Amino acid sequence: MRNPIFDYDDGDFIYQTSGNMGIDSDGDLHMRMGDNMSMDMDTGELHFNSGWRNDDEDDDF
């Protein structure tokens, strides 16, 4: 299981659903734009966050 990503702009947590997508605690869909940035797919706003898990890292299983 992946750790939640903290969204500094909203104070919410983003829960990663795939390598480039996640959903926050308000139910908004986010798309990864960089290591520490995502775009809210509902509003189009850019959000700064604590960082997405890199796809290059090994999984625990």
PDB file of N, CA and C in Angstrom:
ATOM      1  N   MET A   1       0.835  -1.175   0.000  1.00  0.00           N
ATOM      2  CA  MET A   1       0.000   0.000   0.000  1.00  0.00           C
ATOM      3  C   MET A   1       0.883   1.243   0.000  1.00  0.00           C
ATOM      4  N   ARG A   2       0.483   2.229  -0.714  1.00  0.00           N
ATOM      5  CA  ARG A   2       1.248   3.466  -0.835  1.00  0.00           C
ATOM      6  C   ARG A   2       0.852   4.448   0.252  1.00  0.00           C
ATOM      7  N   ASN A   3       1.804   5.250   0.674  1.00  0.00           N
ATOM      8  CA  ASN A   3       1.526   6.292   1.663  1.00  0.00           C
ATOM      9  C   ASN A   3       0.747   7.422   1.006  1.00  0.00           C
ATOM     10  N   PRO A   4      -0.143   8.062   1.753  1.00  0.00           N
ATOM     11  CA  PRO A   4      -0.872   9.204   1.186  1.00  0.00           C
ATOM     12  C   PRO A   4       0.072  10.373   0.928  1.00  0.00           C
ATOM     13  N   ILE A   5      -0.304  11.202  -0.022  1.00  0.00           N
ATOM     14  CA  ILE A   5       0.471  12.373  -0.425  1.00  0.00           C
ATOM     15  C   ILE A   5      -0.232  13.590   0.165  1.00  0.00           C
ATOM     16  N   PHE A   6       0.511  14.449   0.849  1.00  0.00           N
ATOM     17  CA  PHE A   6      -0.102  15.637   1.451  1.00  0.00           C
ATOM     18  C   PHE A   6      -0.177  16.752   0.427  1.00  0.00           C
ATOM     19  N   ASP A   7      -1.346  17.343   0.274  1.00  0.00           N
ATOM     20  CA  ASP A   7      -1.582  18.465  -0.638  1.00  0.00           C
ATOM     21  C   ASP A   7      -1.455  19.754   0.167  1.00  0.00           C
ATOM     22  N   TYR A   8      -0.373  20.497  -0.040  1.00  0.00           N
ATOM     23  CA  TYR A   8      -0.118  21.717   0.718  1.00  0.00           C
ATOM     24  C   TYR A   8      -1.145  22.811   0.424  1.00  0.00           C
ATOM     25  N   ASP A   9      -1.714  22.842  -0.760  1.00  0.00           N
ATOM     26  CA  ASP A   9      -2.656  23.890  -1.121  1.00  0.00           C
ATOM     27  C   ASP A   9      -4.013  23.729  -0.437  1.00  0.00           C
ATOM     28  N   ASP A  10      -4.491  22.502  -0.319  1.00  0.00           N
ATOM     29  CA  ASP A  10      -5.805  22.250   0.272  1.00  0.00           C
ATOM     30  C   ASP A  10      -5.741  21.724   1.699  1.00  0.00           C
ATOM     31  N   GLY A  11      -4.593  21.186   2.083  1.00  0.00           N
ATOM     32  CA  GLY A  11      -4.488  20.546   3.387  1.00  0.00           C
ATOM     33  C   GLY A  11      -5.116  19.165   3.395  1.00  0.00           C
ATOM     34  N   ASP A  12      -5.375  18.611   2.205  1.00  0.00           N
ATOM     35  CA  ASP A  12      -5.962  17.275   2.052  1.00  0.00           C
ATOM     36  C   ASP A  12      -4.864  16.251   1.812  1.00  0.00           C
ATOM     37  N   PHE A  13      -5.256  14.995   1.823  1.00  0.00           N
ATOM     38  CA  PHE A  13      -4.366  13.913   1.432  1.00  0.00           C
ATOM     39  C   PHE A  13      -4.825  13.363   0.095  1.00  0.00           C
ATOM     40  N   ILE A  14      -3.862  13.050  -0.768  1.00  0.00           N
ATOM     41  CA  ILE A  14      -4.137  12.407  -2.053  1.00  0.00           C
ATOM     42  C   ILE A  14      -3.727  10.949  -1.920  1.00  0.00           C
ATOM     43  N   TYR A  15      -4.618  10.057  -2.276  1.00  0.00           N
ATOM     44  CA  TYR A  15      -4.346   8.627  -2.227  1.00  0.00           C
ATOM     45  C   TYR A  15      -4.102   8.153  -3.651  1.00  0.00           C
ATOM     46  N   GLN A  16      -2.906   7.695  -3.902  1.00  0.00           N
ATOM     47  CA  GLN A  16      -2.475   7.316  -5.240  1.00  0.00           C
ATOM     48  C   GLN A  16      -3.214   6.066  -5.693  1.00  0.00           C
ATOM     49  N   THR A  17      -3.861   6.141  -6.864  1.00  0.00           N
ATOM     50  CA  THR A  17      -4.607   5.011  -7.401  1.00  0.00           C
ATOM     51  C   THR A  17      -3.831   4.287  -8.498  1.00  0.00           C
ATOM     52  N   SER A  18      -2.901   4.996  -9.118  1.00  0.00           N
ATOM     53  CA  SER A  18      -2.007   4.405 -10.118  1.00  0.00           C
ATOM     54  C   SER A  18      -0.738   5.247 -10.138  1.00  0.00           C
ATOM     55  N   GLY A  19       0.148   5.000 -11.077  1.00  0.00           N
ATOM     56  CA  GLY A  19       1.400   5.730 -11.136  1.00  0.00           C
ATOM     57  C   GLY A  19       1.249   7.224 -11.315  1.00  0.00           C
ATOM     58  N   ASN A  20       0.209   7.657 -12.036  1.00  0.00           N
ATOM     59  CA  ASN A  20       0.036   9.077 -12.332  1.00  0.00           C
ATOM     60  C   ASN A  20      -1.301   9.658 -11.903  1.00  0.00           C
ATOM     61  N   MET A  21      -2.122   8.888 -11.221  1.00  0.00           N
ATOM     62  CA  MET A  21      -3.448   9.364 -10.826  1.00  0.00           C
ATOM     63  C   MET A  21      -3.673   9.117  -9.341  1.00  0.00           C
ATOM     64  N   GLY A  22      -4.510   9.959  -8.755  1.00  0.00           N
ATOM     65  CA  GLY A  22      -4.860   9.805  -7.358  1.00  0.00           C
ATOM     66  C   GLY A  22      -6.172  10.511  -7.066  1.00  0.00           C
ATOM     67  N   ILE A  23      -6.726  10.246  -5.910  1.00  0.00           N
ATOM     68  CA  ILE A  23      -7.972  10.877  -5.487  1.00  0.00           C
ATOM     69  C   ILE A  23      -7.746  11.442  -4.094  1.00  0.00           C
ATOM     70  N   ASP A  24      -8.233  12.669  -3.872  1.00  0.00           N
ATOM     71  CA  ASP A  24      -8.000  13.284  -2.567  1.00  0.00           C
ATOM     72  C   ASP A  24      -9.157  12.991  -1.621  1.00  0.00           C
ATOM     73  N   SER A  25      -9.015  13.446  -0.382  1.00  0.00           N
ATOM     74  CA  SER A  25     -10.011  13.135   0.640  1.00  0.00           C
ATOM     75  C   SER A  25     -11.347  13.834   0.398  1.00  0.00           C
ATOM     76  N   ASP A  26     -11.390  14.798  -0.534  1.00  0.00           N
ATOM     77  CA  ASP A  26     -12.658  15.432  -0.931  1.00  0.00           C
ATOM     78  C   ASP A  26     -13.310  14.719  -2.109  1.00  0.00           C
ATOM     79  N   GLY A  27     -12.623  13.721  -2.682  1.00  0.00           N
ATOM     80  CA  GLY A  27     -13.149  12.988  -3.825  1.00  0.00           C
ATOM     81  C   GLY A  27     -12.730  13.547  -5.166  1.00  0.00           C
ATOM     82  N   ASP A  28     -11.821  14.542  -5.184  1.00  0.00           N
ATOM     83  CA  ASP A  28     -11.353  15.132  -6.443  1.00  0.00           C
ATOM     84  C   ASP A  28     -10.233  14.290  -7.037  1.00  0.00           C
ATOM     85  N   LEU A  29     -10.284  14.102  -8.333  1.00  0.00           N
ATOM     86  CA  LEU A  29      -9.271  13.338  -9.051  1.00  0.00           C
ATOM     87  C   LEU A  29      -8.056  14.223  -9.338  1.00  0.00           C
ATOM     88  N   HIS A  30      -6.860  13.711  -9.112  1.00  0.00           N
ATOM     89  CA  HIS A  30      -5.618  14.435  -9.366  1.00  0.00           C
ATOM     90  C   HIS A  30      -4.752  13.657 -10.347  1.00  0.00           C
ATOM     91  N   MET A  31      -4.100  14.382 -11.241  1.00  0.00           N
ATOM     92  CA  MET A  31      -3.155  13.790 -12.175  1.00  0.00           C
ATOM     93  C   MET A  31      -1.759  14.329 -11.842  1.00  0.00           C
ATOM     94  N   ARG A  32      -0.807  13.455 -11.747  1.00  0.00           N
ATOM     95  CA  ARG A  32       0.566  13.830 -11.429  1.00  0.00           C
ATOM     96  C   ARG A  32       1.157  14.647 -12.577  1.00  0.00           C
ATOM     97  N   MET A  33       1.717  15.803 -12.242  1.00  0.00           N
ATOM     98  CA  MET A  33       2.362  16.665 -13.227  1.00  0.00           C
ATOM     99  C   MET A  33       3.881  16.673 -13.037  1.00  0.00           C
ATOM    100  N   GLY A  34       4.342  16.276 -11.890  1.00  0.00           N
ATOM    101  CA  GLY A  34       5.758  16.230 -11.543  1.00  0.00           C
ATOM    102  C   GLY A  34       5.903  15.554 -10.201  1.00  0.00           C
ATOM    103  N   ASP A  35       7.129  15.506  -9.684  1.00  0.00           N
ATOM    104  CA  ASP A  35       7.346  14.826  -8.407  1.00  0.00           C
ATOM    105  C   ASP A  35       6.578  15.480  -7.269  1.00  0.00           C
ATOM    106  N   ASN A  36       6.439  16.792  -7.277  1.00  0.00           N
ATOM    107  CA  ASN A  36       5.778  17.501  -6.187  1.00  0.00           C
ATOM    108  C   ASN A  36       4.640  18.391  -6.674  1.00  0.00           C
ATOM    109  N   MET A  37       3.979  17.972  -7.741  1.00  0.00           N
ATOM    110  CA  MET A  37       2.897  18.778  -8.297  1.00  0.00           C
ATOM    111  C   MET A  37       1.840  17.875  -8.925  1.00  0.00           C
ATOM    112  N   SER A  38       0.591  18.262  -8.736  1.00  0.00           N
ATOM    113  CA  SER A  38      -0.503  17.545  -9.375  1.00  0.00           C
ATOM    114  C   SER A  38      -1.533  18.555  -9.853  1.00  0.00           C
ATOM    115  N   MET A  39      -2.372  18.115 -10.793  1.00  0.00           N
ATOM    116  CA  MET A  39      -3.447  18.960 -11.299  1.00  0.00           C
ATOM    117  C   MET A  39      -4.779  18.363 -10.870  1.00  0.00           C
ATOM    118  N   ASP A  40      -5.604  19.187 -10.269  1.00  0.00           N
ATOM    119  CA  ASP A  40      -6.961  18.796  -9.902  1.00  0.00           C
ATOM    120  C   ASP A  40      -7.758  18.706 -11.199  1.00  0.00           C
ATOM    121  N   MET A  41      -8.223  17.528 -11.537  1.00  0.00           N
ATOM    122  CA  MET A  41      -8.902  17.312 -12.810  1.00  0.00           C
ATOM    123  C   MET A  41     -10.293  17.944 -12.838  1.00  0.00           C
ATOM    124  N   ASP A  42     -10.861  18.280 -11.689  1.00  0.00           N
ATOM    125  CA  ASP A  42     -12.168  18.925 -11.652  1.00  0.00           C
ATOM    126  C   ASP A  42     -12.066  20.424 -11.923  1.00  0.00           C
ATOM    127  N   THR A  43     -11.025  21.077 -11.370  1.00  0.00           N
ATOM    128  CA  THR A  43     -10.900  22.534 -11.484  1.00  0.00           C
ATOM    129  C   THR A  43      -9.797  22.972 -12.437  1.00  0.00           C
ATOM    130  N   GLY A  44      -8.826  22.100 -12.717  1.00  0.00           N
ATOM    131  CA  GLY A  44      -7.684  22.454 -13.552  1.00  0.00           C
ATOM    132  C   GLY A  44      -6.586  23.174 -12.791  1.00  0.00           C
ATOM    133  N   GLU A  45      -6.737  23.334 -11.470  1.00  0.00           N
ATOM    134  CA  GLU A  45      -5.739  24.018 -10.650  1.00  0.00           C
ATOM    135  C   GLU A  45      -4.534  23.115 -10.387  1.00  0.00           C
ATOM    136  N   LEU A  46      -3.352  23.736 -10.321  1.00  0.00           N
ATOM    137  CA  LEU A  46      -2.145  23.015  -9.947  1.00  0.00           C
ATOM    138  C   LEU A  46      -1.990  23.054  -8.442  1.00  0.00           C
ATOM    139  N   HIS A  47      -1.583  21.932  -7.861  1.00  0.00           N
ATOM    140  CA  HIS A  47      -1.401  21.808  -6.417  1.00  0.00           C
ATOM    141  C   HIS A  47       0.016  21.323  -6.129  1.00  0.00           C
ATOM    142  N   PHE A  48       0.636  21.926  -5.127  1.00  0.00           N
ATOM    143  CA  PHE A  48       1.942  21.465  -4.662  1.00  0.00           C
ATOM    144  C   PHE A  48       1.713  20.445  -3.561  1.00  0.00           C
ATOM    145  N   ASN A  49       2.485  19.350  -3.605  1.00  0.00           N
ATOM    146  CA  ASN A  49       2.279  18.285  -2.634  1.00  0.00           C
ATOM    147  C   ASN A  49       3.601  17.693  -2.174  1.00  0.00           C
ATOM    148  N   SER A  50       3.504  16.758  -1.235  1.00  0.00           N
ATOM    149  CA  SER A  50       4.694  16.206  -0.588  1.00  0.00           C
ATOM    150  C   SER A  50       5.472  15.234  -1.469  1.00  0.00           C
ATOM    151  N   GLY A  51       4.941  14.821  -2.584  1.00  0.00           N
ATOM    152  CA  GLY A  51       5.682  13.974  -3.514  1.00  0.00           C
ATOM    153  C   GLY A  51       5.010  12.653  -3.794  1.00  0.00           C
ATOM    154  N   TRP A  52       5.030  12.281  -5.054  1.00  0.00           N
ATOM    155  CA  TRP A  52       4.455  11.017  -5.505  1.00  0.00           C
ATOM    156  C   TRP A  52       5.519   9.943  -5.432  1.00  0.00           C
ATOM    157  N   ARG A  53       5.093   8.718  -5.276  1.00  0.00           N
ATOM    158  CA  ARG A  53       6.001   7.579  -5.294  1.00  0.00           C
ATOM    159  C   ARG A  53       6.523   7.421  -6.711  1.00  0.00           C
ATOM    160  N   ASN A  54       7.827   7.250  -6.843  1.00  0.00           N
ATOM    161  CA  ASN A  54       8.430   7.050  -8.163  1.00  0.00           C
ATOM    162  C   ASN A  54       8.109   5.659  -8.685  1.00  0.00           C
ATOM    163  N   ASP A  55       7.830   5.571  -9.968  1.00  0.00           N
ATOM    164  CA  ASP A  55       7.576   4.275 -10.586  1.00  0.00           C
ATOM    165  C   ASP A  55       8.821   3.411 -10.626  1.00  0.00           C
ATOM    166  N   ASP A  56      10.002   4.036 -10.521  1.00  0.00           N
ATOM    167  CA  ASP A  56      11.264   3.302 -10.582  1.00  0.00           C
ATOM    168  C   ASP A  56      11.544   2.518  -9.318  1.00  0.00           C
ATOM    169  N   GLU A  57      10.930   2.918  -8.190  1.00  0.00           N
ATOM    170  CA  GLU A  57      11.192   2.250  -6.926  1.00  0.00           C
ATOM    171  C   GLU A  57      10.596   0.864  -6.942  1.00  0.00           C
ATOM    172  N   ASP A  58      11.271  -0.058  -6.257  1.00  0.00           N
ATOM    173  CA  ASP A  58      10.774  -1.434  -6.166  1.00  0.00           C
ATOM    174  C   ASP A  58       9.565  -1.503  -5.253  1.00  0.00           C
ATOM    175  N   ASP A  59       8.612  -2.333  -5.617  1.00  0.00           N
ATOM    176  CA  ASP A  59       7.457  -2.573  -4.763  1.00  0.00           C
ATOM    177  C   ASP A  59       7.841  -3.511  -3.640  1.00  0.00           C
ATOM    178  N   ASP A  60       7.050  -3.520  -2.591  1.00  0.00           N
ATOM    179  CA  ASP A  60       7.329  -4.359  -1.424  1.00  0.00           C
ATOM    180  C   ASP A  60       6.981  -5.826  -1.675  1.00  0.00           C
ATOM    181  N   PHE A  61       6.355  -6.129  -2.766  1.00  0.00           N
ATOM    182  CA  PHE A  61       5.977  -7.517  -3.035  1.00  0.00           C
ATOM    183  C   PHE A  61       6.624  -8.012  -4.293  1.00  0.00           C
TER     184      PHE A  61
END
